[in-house]
């Protein structure tokens, strides 16, 4: 059961990071570079947490 929870969280976190990257592109189009860099770092951190959740799901597979 825990494995499925980790898989769902990994998919949600990786999908949620796409939202941050889309907003980052929007801020770059408006030439707001500081906000774009902040959103880029948030997106990278969210995707790294999603990667770790996916790794935990693979460990729970055994």
C-alpha atoms as a PDB file:
ATOM      1  CA  UNK A   1       0.000   0.000   0.000  1.00  0.00           C
ATOM      2  CA  UNK A   2       2.842   2.369   0.810  1.00  0.00           C
ATOM      3  CA  UNK A   3       4.356   1.766  -2.634  1.00  0.00           C
ATOM      4  CA  UNK A   4       1.226   3.058  -4.367  1.00  0.00           C
ATOM      5  CA  UNK A   5       1.215   6.149  -2.173  1.00  0.00           C
ATOM      6  CA  UNK A   6       4.820   6.884  -3.140  1.00  0.00           C
ATOM      7  CA  UNK A   7       4.022   6.362  -6.828  1.00  0.00           C
ATOM      8  CA  UNK A   8       1.051   8.715  -6.709  1.00  0.00           C
ATOM      9  CA  UNK A   9       3.048  11.355  -4.821  1.00  0.00           C
ATOM     10  CA  UNK A  10       5.920  11.062  -7.298  1.00  0.00           C
ATOM     11  CA  UNK A  11       3.604  11.570 -10.271  1.00  0.00           C
ATOM     12  CA  UNK A  12       1.882  14.531  -8.607  1.00  0.00           C
ATOM     13  CA  UNK A  13       5.156  16.194  -7.651  1.00  0.00           C
ATOM     14  CA  UNK A  14       6.748  15.751 -11.058  1.00  0.00           C
ATOM     15  CA  UNK A  15       3.563  16.955 -12.730  1.00  0.00           C
ATOM     16  CA  UNK A  16       3.342  19.873 -10.322  1.00  0.00           C
ATOM     17  CA  UNK A  17       6.846  20.972 -11.168  1.00  0.00           C
ATOM     18  CA  UNK A  18       5.708  21.463 -14.764  1.00  0.00           C
ATOM     19  CA  UNK A  19       3.337  24.163 -13.474  1.00  0.00           C
ATOM     20  CA  UNK A  20       6.270  26.026 -11.940  1.00  0.00           C
ATOM     21  CA  UNK A  21       8.245  25.796 -15.180  1.00  0.00           C
ATOM     22  CA  UNK A  22       5.280  27.090 -17.198  1.00  0.00           C
ATOM     23  CA  UNK A  23       4.957  30.047 -14.840  1.00  0.00           C
ATOM     24  CA  UNK A  24       8.704  30.585 -15.153  1.00  0.00           C
ATOM     25  CA  UNK A  25       8.334  30.887 -18.925  1.00  0.00           C
ATOM     26  CA  UNK A  26       5.481  33.342 -18.423  1.00  0.00           C
ATOM     27  CA  UNK A  27       7.624  35.531 -16.187  1.00  0.00           C
ATOM     28  CA  UNK A  28      10.472  35.367 -18.678  1.00  0.00           C
ATOM     29  CA  UNK A  29       8.096  36.585 -21.396  1.00  0.00           C
ATOM     30  CA  UNK A  30       7.232  39.564 -19.157  1.00  0.00           C
ATOM     31  CA  UNK A  31      10.956  40.154 -18.548  1.00  0.00           C
ATOM     32  CA  UNK A  32      10.671  39.576 -14.801  1.00  0.00           C
ATOM     33  CA  UNK A  33      13.922  37.694 -14.430  1.00  0.00           C
ATOM     34  CA  UNK A  34      14.116  37.595 -10.637  1.00  0.00           C
ATOM     35  CA  UNK A  35      10.724  35.908 -10.303  1.00  0.00           C
ATOM     36  CA  UNK A  36      11.616  33.513 -13.126  1.00  0.00           C
ATOM     37  CA  UNK A  37      14.813  32.424 -11.379  1.00  0.00           C
ATOM     38  CA  UNK A  38      12.963  31.918  -8.085  1.00  0.00           C
ATOM     39  CA  UNK A  39      10.299  29.808  -9.814  1.00  0.00           C
ATOM     40  CA  UNK A  40      12.980  27.831 -11.614  1.00  0.00           C
ATOM     41  CA  UNK A  41      14.636  26.909  -8.316  1.00  0.00           C
ATOM     42  CA  UNK A  42      11.280  25.971  -6.794  1.00  0.00           C
ATOM     43  CA  UNK A  43      10.498  23.799  -9.823  1.00  0.00           C
ATOM     44  CA  UNK A  44      13.867  22.081  -9.606  1.00  0.00           C
ATOM     45  CA  UNK A  45      13.431  21.364  -5.915  1.00  0.00           C
ATOM     46  CA  UNK A  46       9.913  19.981  -6.429  1.00  0.00           C
ATOM     47  CA  UNK A  47      11.099  17.724  -9.252  1.00  0.00           C
ATOM     48  CA  UNK A  48      13.974  16.451  -7.115  1.00  0.00           C
ATOM     49  CA  UNK A  49      11.543  15.544  -4.314  1.00  0.00           C
ATOM     50  CA  UNK A  50       9.387  13.755  -6.891  1.00  0.00           C
ATOM     51  CA  UNK A  51      12.440  11.859  -8.055  1.00  0.00           C
ATOM     52  CA  UNK A  52      13.150  10.728  -4.500  1.00  0.00           C
ATOM     53  CA  UNK A  53       9.545   9.579  -4.070  1.00  0.00           C
ATOM     54  CA  UNK A  54       9.833   7.554  -7.257  1.00  0.00           C
ATOM     55  CA  UNK A  55      13.045   6.031  -5.915  1.00  0.00           C
ATOM     56  CA  UNK A  56      11.261   5.080  -2.687  1.00  0.00           C
ATOM     57  CA  UNK A  57       8.466   3.477  -4.704  1.00  0.00           C
ATOM     58  CA  UNK A  58      11.027   1.342  -6.516  1.00  0.00           C
ATOM     59  CA  UNK A  59      12.609   0.283  -3.240  1.00  0.00           C
ATOM     60  CA  UNK A  60       9.200  -0.702  -1.852  1.00  0.00           C
ATOM     61  CA  UNK A  61       8.607  -2.869  -4.924  1.00  0.00           C
ATOM     62  CA  UNK A  62      10.704  -5.734  -3.556  1.00  0.00           C
END
